[in-house]
Structure formats: C-alpha cells, structure tokens
Amino acid sequence: MADFDPQKDEKQDDAAADLIREQVQHGDKHLERGAVDEALLCYEKALILCREADGRAHRAHVHNKIGVAQATNGRWDLALEQYNRALLIWQEIGGLEGEAASYFNIGIVHANTGRVQEALEAYLSALSGSEELGDRAGQAETHSRIGELFWEDGRREMALEHYKQALAITQEAGQKQWQATLLFQIGRIYQGMNRDEDAVASYMAALPLLDEARDWAGLSDTMFNIAMILYNMGGAQEAAVMLRQVQEFDRLCEHPHSDKHKIALAQIEHEMSSNSQSQSSSNNGV
C-alpha cells in the first residue's frame, strides 16, 4: 500500500513544507540505495522541522518513513513504534488514507514477527479504510497480504478466498503482472490441497501473463510446478518436456533453483529410460 504523502498541512506555510519534503526526499534516495542510517538522519531532520512548524500531517508521514527504514533493517519493534505514532496522529486529525496505510504497515510488522492475530486485525482495519476510501489498489494489496498470512498459518481456504478477491480487483484494473503473481499463489494453494486440476488451471492462466512480461524466473517456477503435478499424475513424458523448457528459462535468468530443476529432469528421464528398458526386456522375453 502506498504511503500517504501530505501535500500541505493547514498549519504550515509553503516554505516549511518544502524544507520537510526536501529532507524526506533525501532520505528516500538514501533508502533506495540501502543506506538506512543516512536515510534515518534525513528523516529525523524532517521530524524536527515538523515539530517546529507544528505540521502534524507531515509529522505522521515522517514517522511512517522512519518506520519503513527501521523495518528495512529488520528492527521490527522500532518500526512498530514509529507506525503507531503515525497512526495516532492520523486518527487525531482524521486522515483516513494515512490511517489505512499505518494499519497496513503495522500488519506487516506483526506478520514478520509471528503475531498472526495482531497482523490480521491490523490488515482488516487497513482493508476497512481502503474500502471506505474506494481505494481498489489498497484493497487488492491488503487482500493479498491477508492471503499470505493465512497461507503461512496453514489456513488454506481462507488464504484462497482473499487471494481470489485480490485477483478480481487486479483483473478489473488490468494489472497483468500482479495477476500472474496471484494466480501462481492460488495455484500453490490448490496444489497444497491436492486439487491438482485446479492448480494446473491456475498456473496455466499465469503463463501467458508471465511470458508477456518476459518474467523468465516466474515462467520457470510456474512450469516446474506444473511439471511436478503432471509427473505425479502419471504424465512423466509431459513433465519431462516441460522441464526441458524450464531449463531454457533458467539459463535466461540464472535461476537460483536451476540445480533442483536439473535434478528433477534427470530423475524423470532415468525413470523413463529404466521403464523403457524393462518393457523392451519383457517384450524380448515373450
């Protein structure tokens, strides 16, 4: 979910707001290149300016930025503290968009620290805000996060429900790459539920979207999963054909799991060869 960026606080003059935004932009640039400590220095300077100018909306925005920087370094407790400060300000001034963004970020912290129920509550609050605002992108992203939360907690039916809601929104918006990601996740859930035909259908729907985006790693992962399902359904020949295609995509993107894919193909080819030799021996014996 995109962070809310206040353009102007009613208690600040334009000059003060410009100085704050300048420090925030410097911090963002540092954060983009991984210089978290330098980013934090800029955000702290912006926070001081906010306090001097009594700019509450900007102050909430900067607290959120500091939270993002702390989360980048895995300092979850410090990130949570900043997100909660931002949330309190948004609630005081009636900034629903910023409130929804804060709840979303709080949900991410709880999810990453294993606090499933707290994460769910925060995400649901974010979702409520996004629905009230009519923010369809925010709704899709939050549904996706809730789906991920349920998936990791083993609640597959609930995960499936939220991923499907996210998918419907991305289809409305024509966001093809995001659709492909969601279709892959839905396929994984079906696969985990042993609903192989549904899994293959979801993976197959993702393939043309991944191909259009030239997402070689995504194509490799998706086709590998299809191949494994086909193999388990008795389609060793079809699986081998697909795994050879997987290796082509692995070469294009230097896939980190290429060795795993090679081993799977080698095992299937060895099994096919052994079965063929056994069949030939049986026929000769007859």
Protein backbone atom coordinates (compact mmCIF):
# COMPACT_ATOMS: atom_id res chain seq x y z
CA MET A 1 0.00 0.00 0.00
CA ALA A 2 1.41 3.40 -0.99
CA ASP A 3 2.27 5.71 1.88
CA PHE A 4 0.08 8.80 2.19
CA ASP A 5 2.05 11.90 1.27
CA PRO A 6 0.52 15.13 2.59
CA GLN A 7 0.92 17.98 0.15
CA LYS A 8 0.16 20.73 2.63
CA ASP A 9 -0.67 20.97 6.31
CA GLU A 10 -3.12 23.74 7.21
CA LYS A 11 -0.80 24.93 9.99
CA GLN A 12 2.34 25.11 7.87
CA ASP A 13 3.50 27.65 5.36
CA ASP A 14 4.76 26.54 1.99
CA ALA A 15 8.40 27.21 2.87
CA ALA A 16 8.32 24.93 5.90
CA ALA A 17 6.54 22.20 3.94
CA ASP A 18 9.14 22.44 1.17
CA LEU A 19 12.00 22.03 3.66
CA ILE A 20 10.34 18.97 5.15
CA ARG A 21 9.74 17.40 1.76
CA GLU A 22 13.33 18.09 0.76
CA GLN A 23 14.68 16.17 3.77
CA VAL A 24 12.23 13.33 3.15
CA GLN A 25 13.29 13.09 -0.50
CA HIS A 26 16.96 12.96 0.55
CA GLY A 27 16.08 10.18 2.98
CA ASP A 28 14.20 8.27 0.29
CA LYS A 29 17.21 8.39 -2.01
CA HIS A 30 19.48 7.05 0.72
CA LEU A 31 17.00 4.28 1.49
CA GLU A 32 16.75 3.29 -2.19
CA ARG A 33 20.48 2.57 -2.26
CA GLY A 34 20.41 0.73 1.06
CA ALA A 35 21.97 3.46 3.20
CA VAL A 36 19.50 3.11 6.07
CA ASP A 37 21.42 5.11 8.71
CA GLU A 38 21.84 8.06 6.34
CA ALA A 39 18.13 7.87 5.50
CA LEU A 40 17.25 7.92 9.19
CA LEU A 41 19.33 11.06 9.72
CA CYS A 42 17.39 12.85 7.00
CA TYR A 43 14.04 11.69 8.33
CA GLU A 44 14.98 12.80 11.85
CA LYS A 45 15.85 16.25 10.49
CA ALA A 46 12.48 16.35 8.76
CA LEU A 47 10.79 15.36 12.02
CA ILE A 48 12.45 18.24 13.86
CA LEU A 49 11.22 20.64 11.18
CA CYS A 50 7.71 19.22 11.54
CA ARG A 51 7.73 19.80 15.29
CA GLU A 52 9.00 23.35 14.91
CA ALA A 53 6.31 24.15 12.34
CA ASP A 54 3.57 22.18 14.13
CA GLY A 55 2.90 20.16 11.00
CA ARG A 56 1.04 17.11 12.23
CA ALA A 57 0.20 15.54 8.87
CA HIS A 58 3.80 15.80 7.74
CA ARG A 59 4.96 14.53 11.12
CA ALA A 60 2.81 11.41 10.73
CA HIS A 61 4.21 10.93 7.23
CA VAL A 62 7.79 11.15 8.52
CA HIS A 63 7.11 8.74 11.39
CA ASN A 64 5.95 6.28 8.76
CA LYS A 65 9.13 6.85 6.73
CA ILE A 66 11.25 6.17 9.79
CA GLY A 67 9.24 3.00 10.37
CA VAL A 68 9.93 1.82 6.82
CA ALA A 69 13.65 2.45 7.28
CA GLN A 70 13.73 0.54 10.57
CA ALA A 71 11.77 -2.33 9.02
CA THR A 72 14.26 -2.46 6.15
CA ASN A 73 16.95 -3.30 8.70
CA GLY A 74 14.71 -5.82 10.46
CA ARG A 75 14.28 -3.61 13.51
CA TRP A 76 10.65 -4.56 13.85
CA ASP A 77 9.98 -3.18 17.34
CA LEU A 78 11.38 0.22 16.39
CA ALA A 79 9.36 0.17 13.17
CA LEU A 80 6.19 -0.68 15.07
CA GLU A 81 6.76 2.20 17.46
CA GLN A 82 7.00 4.66 14.56
CA TYR A 83 3.96 3.25 12.75
CA ASN A 84 1.90 3.51 15.94
CA ARG A 85 2.94 7.13 16.36
CA ALA A 86 1.88 7.86 12.80
CA LEU A 87 -1.43 6.07 13.34
CA LEU A 88 -2.22 8.08 16.46
CA ILE A 89 -1.69 11.36 14.60
CA TRP A 90 -3.81 10.29 11.63
CA GLN A 91 -6.61 9.30 14.00
CA GLU A 92 -6.40 12.67 15.76
CA ILE A 93 -6.58 14.72 12.56
CA GLY A 94 -8.95 12.47 10.64
CA GLY A 95 -6.53 11.34 7.93
CA LEU A 96 -8.23 8.15 6.79
CA GLU A 97 -5.78 7.46 3.96
CA GLY A 98 -2.80 7.77 6.28
CA GLU A 99 -4.59 5.73 8.93
CA ALA A 100 -5.17 2.88 6.48
CA ALA A 101 -1.51 2.98 5.39
CA SER A 102 -0.38 2.89 9.03
CA TYR A 103 -2.57 -0.10 9.83
CA PHE A 104 -1.20 -1.86 6.74
CA ASN A 105 2.38 -1.28 7.84
CA ILE A 106 1.59 -2.38 11.38
CA GLY A 107 0.17 -5.57 9.91
CA ILE A 108 3.42 -6.21 8.05
CA VAL A 109 5.43 -5.87 11.27
CA HIS A 110 3.17 -8.29 13.16
CA ALA A 111 3.22 -10.76 10.26
CA ASN A 112 7.01 -10.72 10.15
CA THR A 113 7.29 -11.28 13.88
CA GLY A 114 4.84 -14.19 14.02
CA ARG A 115 1.97 -12.32 15.66
CA VAL A 116 -0.71 -13.65 13.35
CA GLN A 117 -3.83 -12.43 15.13
CA GLU A 118 -2.43 -8.92 15.62
CA ALA A 119 -1.42 -8.85 11.95
CA LEU A 120 -4.88 -9.93 10.85
CA GLU A 121 -6.56 -7.27 12.99
CA ALA A 122 -4.31 -4.56 11.56
CA TYR A 123 -4.84 -5.72 7.97
CA LEU A 124 -8.61 -5.82 8.44
CA SER A 125 -8.52 -2.25 9.76
CA ALA A 126 -6.47 -1.24 6.71
CA LEU A 127 -8.94 -3.02 4.45
CA SER A 128 -11.88 -1.22 6.06
CA GLY A 129 -10.19 2.12 5.46
CA SER A 130 -9.39 1.26 1.85
CA GLU A 131 -12.99 0.23 1.24
CA GLU A 132 -14.29 3.46 2.74
CA LEU A 133 -11.91 5.44 0.54
CA GLY A 134 -12.75 3.40 -2.56
CA ASP A 135 -9.05 2.60 -2.89
CA ARG A 136 -9.17 -0.53 -5.05
CA ALA A 137 -5.39 -0.89 -5.25
CA GLY A 138 -5.16 -0.70 -1.47
CA GLN A 139 -7.89 -3.30 -1.15
CA ALA A 140 -6.10 -5.66 -3.53
CA GLU A 141 -2.78 -5.31 -1.75
CA THR A 142 -4.37 -5.86 1.65
CA HIS A 143 -6.35 -8.89 0.49
CA SER A 144 -3.09 -10.28 -0.89
CA ARG A 145 -1.30 -9.76 2.44
CA ILE A 146 -4.16 -11.40 4.33
CA GLY A 147 -4.00 -14.31 1.89
CA GLU A 148 -0.27 -14.63 2.53
CA LEU A 149 -0.87 -14.52 6.27
CA PHE A 150 -3.45 -17.31 6.15
CA TRP A 151 -1.28 -19.35 3.76
CA GLU A 152 1.69 -19.25 6.12
CA ASP A 153 -0.62 -20.08 9.04
CA GLY A 154 -1.93 -23.17 7.23
CA ARG A 155 -5.46 -21.83 6.71
CA ARG A 156 -5.64 -22.56 3.02
CA GLU A 157 -9.34 -21.98 2.40
CA MET A 158 -9.16 -18.51 3.96
CA ALA A 159 -5.97 -17.75 2.02
CA LEU A 160 -7.68 -18.80 -1.19
CA GLU A 161 -10.65 -16.53 -0.52
CA HIS A 162 -8.51 -13.42 -0.06
CA TYR A 163 -6.16 -14.16 -2.95
CA LYS A 164 -9.20 -14.55 -5.22
CA GLN A 165 -10.57 -11.20 -4.07
CA ALA A 166 -7.22 -9.58 -4.80
CA LEU A 167 -7.15 -11.26 -8.21
CA ALA A 168 -10.60 -9.97 -9.14
CA ILE A 169 -9.52 -6.40 -8.40
CA THR A 170 -6.28 -6.68 -10.38
CA GLN A 171 -8.22 -8.11 -13.31
CA GLU A 172 -10.53 -5.08 -13.22
CA ALA A 173 -7.50 -2.81 -13.31
CA GLY A 174 -5.67 -4.80 -15.99
CA GLN A 175 -2.59 -5.27 -13.78
CA LYS A 176 -1.24 -8.30 -15.59
CA GLN A 177 1.99 -8.89 -13.72
CA TRP A 178 0.21 -8.74 -10.37
CA GLN A 179 -2.44 -11.10 -11.74
CA ALA A 180 0.30 -13.57 -12.64
CA THR A 181 1.71 -13.44 -9.11
CA LEU A 182 -1.71 -14.03 -7.59
CA LEU A 183 -2.52 -16.86 -9.99
CA PHE A 184 0.76 -18.51 -9.00
CA GLN A 185 -0.11 -18.19 -5.31
CA ILE A 186 -3.59 -19.58 -5.91
CA GLY A 187 -2.04 -22.48 -7.82
CA ARG A 188 0.26 -23.22 -4.89
CA ILE A 189 -2.70 -23.33 -2.51
CA TYR A 190 -4.63 -25.70 -4.76
CA GLN A 191 -1.52 -27.83 -5.10
CA GLY A 192 -1.17 -27.97 -1.33
CA MET A 193 -4.82 -29.03 -1.09
CA ASN A 194 -4.22 -31.82 -3.66
CA ARG A 195 -6.61 -30.14 -6.07
CA ASP A 196 -4.28 -30.81 -8.97
CA GLU A 197 -6.58 -29.88 -11.85
CA ASP A 198 -7.42 -26.52 -10.25
CA ALA A 199 -3.73 -25.93 -9.56
CA VAL A 200 -2.75 -26.62 -13.17
CA ALA A 201 -5.55 -24.37 -14.44
CA SER A 202 -4.36 -21.50 -12.23
CA TYR A 203 -0.71 -21.99 -13.21
CA MET A 204 -1.61 -22.20 -16.89
CA ALA A 205 -3.57 -18.95 -16.66
CA ALA A 206 -0.43 -17.28 -15.28
CA LEU A 207 1.86 -18.43 -18.12
CA PRO A 208 0.79 -16.00 -20.90
CA LEU A 209 0.96 -13.09 -18.45
CA LEU A 210 4.46 -14.07 -17.37
CA ASP A 211 5.51 -14.57 -20.98
CA GLU A 212 4.23 -11.11 -21.93
CA ALA A 213 6.24 -9.62 -19.05
CA ARG A 214 9.29 -11.69 -20.07
CA ASP A 215 9.47 -12.91 -16.48
CA TRP A 216 11.77 -15.87 -17.05
CA ALA A 217 12.08 -16.76 -13.37
CA GLY A 218 8.31 -16.68 -12.97
CA LEU A 219 7.87 -18.87 -16.04
CA SER A 220 10.45 -21.31 -14.71
CA ASP A 221 8.81 -21.60 -11.28
CA THR A 222 5.32 -21.94 -12.70
CA MET A 223 6.22 -24.52 -15.33
CA PHE A 224 8.24 -26.51 -12.80
CA ASN A 225 5.19 -26.77 -10.55
CA ILE A 226 3.01 -27.82 -13.48
CA ALA A 227 5.60 -30.43 -14.47
CA MET A 228 5.66 -31.91 -10.98
CA ILE A 229 1.87 -32.18 -10.91
CA LEU A 230 1.85 -33.85 -14.33
CA TYR A 231 4.52 -36.28 -13.21
CA ASN A 232 2.58 -37.18 -10.05
CA MET A 233 -0.49 -37.75 -12.22
CA GLY A 234 1.44 -40.27 -14.31
CA GLY A 235 2.46 -37.95 -17.11
CA ALA A 236 6.23 -38.44 -16.98
CA GLN A 237 6.69 -37.70 -20.69
CA GLU A 238 4.74 -34.42 -20.50
CA ALA A 239 6.61 -33.46 -17.33
CA ALA A 240 9.98 -34.08 -19.00
CA VAL A 241 9.05 -31.92 -21.99
CA MET A 242 8.06 -29.09 -19.68
CA LEU A 243 11.16 -29.43 -17.52
CA ARG A 244 13.35 -29.04 -20.62
CA GLN A 245 11.57 -25.73 -21.24
CA VAL A 246 12.18 -24.82 -17.61
CA GLN A 247 15.92 -25.26 -18.16
CA GLU A 248 15.78 -22.83 -21.08
CA PHE A 249 14.20 -20.18 -18.85
CA ASP A 250 16.71 -20.94 -16.09
CA ARG A 251 19.54 -20.11 -18.49
CA LEU A 252 17.93 -16.80 -19.38
CA CYS A 253 17.63 -15.62 -15.79
CA GLU A 254 20.33 -17.60 -13.92
CA HIS A 255 17.64 -19.08 -11.70
CA PRO A 256 18.83 -19.87 -8.14
CA HIS A 257 16.97 -23.21 -8.20
CA SER A 258 18.27 -24.37 -11.55
CA ASP A 259 20.16 -27.29 -9.96
CA LYS A 260 16.94 -28.51 -8.37
CA HIS A 261 15.22 -28.34 -11.75
CA LYS A 262 18.05 -30.26 -13.44
CA ILE A 263 17.93 -32.99 -10.82
CA ALA A 264 14.16 -33.39 -11.24
CA LEU A 265 14.53 -33.75 -15.01
CA ALA A 266 17.42 -36.22 -14.67
CA GLN A 267 15.43 -38.37 -12.27
CA ILE A 268 12.37 -38.43 -14.51
CA GLU A 269 14.46 -39.21 -17.60
CA HIS A 270 16.26 -42.01 -15.73
CA GLU A 271 12.94 -43.46 -14.63
CA MET A 272 11.57 -43.27 -18.18
CA SER A 273 14.71 -44.95 -19.53
CA SER A 274 14.52 -47.74 -16.92
CA ASN A 275 10.85 -48.32 -17.67
CA SER A 276 11.59 -48.44 -21.40
CA GLN A 277 14.38 -50.98 -20.90
CA SER A 278 12.15 -53.10 -18.68
CA GLN A 279 9.40 -53.02 -21.27
CA SER A 280 11.87 -53.98 -24.01
CA SER A 281 13.22 -56.88 -21.94
CA SER A 282 9.70 -58.06 -21.26
CA ASN A 283 8.81 -57.96 -24.93
CA ASN A 284 12.00 -59.85 -25.88
CA GLY A 285 11.19 -62.47 -23.31
CA VAL A 286 7.81 -63.01 -24.85
